[in-house]
C-alpha atoms as a PDB file:
ATOM      1  CA  UNK A   1      46.262 -11.273  27.913  1.00  0.00           C
ATOM      2  CA  UNK A   2      42.702 -12.792  27.855  1.00  0.00           C
ATOM      3  CA  UNK A   3      41.165 -14.862  25.028  1.00  0.00           C
ATOM      4  CA  UNK A   4      37.760 -13.295  23.905  1.00  0.00           C
ATOM      5  CA  UNK A   5      34.800 -14.987  25.194  1.00  0.00           C
ATOM      6  CA  UNK A   6      33.198 -15.440  21.969  1.00  0.00           C
ATOM      7  CA  UNK A   7      35.936 -17.930  20.874  1.00  0.00           C
ATOM      8  CA  UNK A   8      35.824 -19.862  24.040  1.00  0.00           C
ATOM      9  CA  UNK A   9      38.731 -21.547  25.874  1.00  0.00           C
ATOM     10  CA  UNK A  10      41.551 -22.928  23.858  1.00  0.00           C
ATOM     11  CA  UNK A  11      41.786 -26.790  24.112  1.00  0.00           C
ATOM     12  CA  UNK A  12      44.270 -29.010  22.012  1.00  0.00           C
ATOM     13  CA  UNK A  13      42.240 -32.004  20.933  1.00  0.00           C
ATOM     14  CA  UNK A  14      45.137 -34.259  20.346  1.00  0.00           C
ATOM     15  CA  UNK A  15      45.455 -34.245  24.313  1.00  0.00           C
ATOM     16  CA  UNK A  16      41.950 -35.633  24.558  1.00  0.00           C
ATOM     17  CA  UNK A  17      42.714 -38.132  21.891  1.00  0.00           C
ATOM     18  CA  UNK A  18      45.947 -39.172  23.882  1.00  0.00           C
ATOM     19  CA  UNK A  19      43.769 -39.447  27.202  1.00  0.00           C
ATOM     20  CA  UNK A  20      41.784 -42.398  25.610  1.00  0.00           C
ATOM     21  CA  UNK A  21      44.809 -44.441  24.820  1.00  0.00           C
ATOM     22  CA  UNK A  22      46.550 -46.283  27.816  1.00  0.00           C
ATOM     23  CA  UNK A  23      49.567 -43.941  27.725  1.00  0.00           C
ATOM     24  CA  UNK A  24      50.620 -43.285  31.379  1.00  0.00           C
ATOM     25  CA  UNK A  25      51.983 -39.799  30.747  1.00  0.00           C
ATOM     26  CA  UNK A  26      51.174 -37.534  28.088  1.00  0.00           C
ATOM     27  CA  UNK A  27      53.952 -35.140  26.754  1.00  0.00           C
ATOM     28  CA  UNK A  28      52.920 -31.890  25.587  1.00  0.00           C
ATOM     29  CA  UNK A  29      54.059 -28.345  24.279  1.00  0.00           C
ATOM     30  CA  UNK A  30      50.867 -26.520  24.320  1.00  0.00           C
ATOM     31  CA  UNK A  31      51.396 -24.317  27.438  1.00  0.00           C
ATOM     32  CA  UNK A  32      47.964 -22.282  26.588  1.00  0.00           C
ATOM     33  CA  UNK A  33      45.565 -25.444  26.779  1.00  0.00           C
ATOM     34  CA  UNK A  34      43.034 -25.017  29.405  1.00  0.00           C
ATOM     35  CA  UNK A  35      42.979 -28.057  32.035  1.00  0.00           C
ATOM     36  CA  UNK A  36      39.552 -30.053  31.874  1.00  0.00           C
ATOM     37  CA  UNK A  37      37.825 -31.774  34.599  1.00  0.00           C
ATOM     38  CA  UNK A  38      38.488 -35.200  32.729  1.00  0.00           C
ATOM     39  CA  UNK A  39      42.312 -34.421  32.910  1.00  0.00           C
ATOM     40  CA  UNK A  40      42.288 -34.822  36.915  1.00  0.00           C
ATOM     41  CA  UNK A  41      44.279 -37.913  38.136  1.00  0.00           C
ATOM     42  CA  UNK A  42      46.542 -37.865  34.861  1.00  0.00           C
ATOM     43  CA  UNK A  43      50.169 -37.084  34.547  1.00  0.00           C
ATOM     44  CA  UNK A  44      51.356 -34.650  31.956  1.00  0.00           C
ATOM     45  CA  UNK A  45      54.947 -33.598  30.921  1.00  0.00           C
ATOM     46  CA  UNK A  46      54.884 -30.120  30.125  1.00  0.00           C
ATOM     47  CA  UNK A  47      57.653 -28.266  28.269  1.00  0.00           C
ATOM     48  CA  UNK A  48      59.063 -25.240  29.793  1.00  0.00           C
ATOM     49  CA  UNK A  49      61.619 -24.480  26.925  1.00  0.00           C
ATOM     50  CA  UNK A  50      64.485 -26.531  28.139  1.00  0.00           C
ATOM     51  CA  UNK A  51      63.160 -29.700  29.666  1.00  0.00           C
ATOM     52  CA  UNK A  52      59.566 -31.540  30.314  1.00  0.00           C
ATOM     53  CA  UNK A  53      58.380 -31.194  33.729  1.00  0.00           C
ATOM     54  CA  UNK A  54      56.404 -34.067  35.189  1.00  0.00           C
ATOM     55  CA  UNK A  55      52.878 -32.873  36.789  1.00  0.00           C
ATOM     56  CA  UNK A  56      50.080 -34.569  38.264  1.00  0.00           C
ATOM     57  CA  UNK A  57      46.968 -32.842  37.810  1.00  0.00           C
ATOM     58  CA  UNK A  58      44.672 -32.124  40.613  1.00  0.00           C
ATOM     59  CA  UNK A  59      41.180 -30.633  41.274  1.00  0.00           C
ATOM     60  CA  UNK A  60      42.620 -27.320  41.935  1.00  0.00           C
ATOM     61  CA  UNK A  61      44.228 -26.949  38.870  1.00  0.00           C
ATOM     62  CA  UNK A  62      41.074 -27.077  36.645  1.00  0.00           C
ATOM     63  CA  UNK A  63      40.304 -24.236  34.809  1.00  0.00           C
ATOM     64  CA  UNK A  64      43.926 -22.909  34.850  1.00  0.00           C
ATOM     65  CA  UNK A  65      46.464 -23.375  32.063  1.00  0.00           C
ATOM     66  CA  UNK A  66      49.374 -25.868  31.872  1.00  0.00           C
ATOM     67  CA  UNK A  67      51.961 -22.954  31.269  1.00  0.00           C
ATOM     68  CA  UNK A  68      51.090 -21.768  34.967  1.00  0.00           C
ATOM     69  CA  UNK A  69      52.702 -25.100  36.380  1.00  0.00           C
ATOM     70  CA  UNK A  70      55.759 -25.278  34.316  1.00  0.00           C
ATOM     71  CA  UNK A  71      57.910 -22.489  35.214  1.00  0.00           C
ATOM     72  CA  UNK A  72      60.232 -20.939  32.319  1.00  0.00           C
ATOM     73  CA  UNK A  73      62.302 -18.839  34.559  1.00  0.00           C
ATOM     74  CA  UNK A  74      64.542 -19.717  37.604  1.00  0.00           C
ATOM     75  CA  UNK A  75      64.171 -17.432  40.523  1.00  0.00           C
ATOM     76  CA  UNK A  76      67.102 -14.962  41.244  1.00  0.00           C
ATOM     77  CA  UNK A  77      69.395 -15.947  44.160  1.00  0.00           C
ATOM     78  CA  UNK A  78      71.708 -13.710  45.486  1.00  0.00           C
ATOM     79  CA  UNK A  79      75.396 -14.426  45.416  1.00  0.00           C
ATOM     80  CA  UNK A  80      76.969 -15.174  48.933  1.00  0.00           C
ATOM     81  CA  UNK A  81      80.042 -13.116  49.695  1.00  0.00           C
ATOM     82  CA  UNK A  82      83.079 -14.701  50.923  1.00  0.00           C
END
């Protein structure tokens, strides 16, 4: 479901504060945060409900949300018959 236009995009401002420090990787559980151009080239650990997945932010990811790059479900695999 989309967020209404008059509210604007959701951005967690604690992530922006953490970007200014000398932390190499930033841990976040905020999967609905919009990726900004200032995040390009930085490493984020995005929580998927079980573990943190390390992702390097590229230019193609700008405008998307963090949750799109950290999948919560594993793909279904058929069992092989013996």
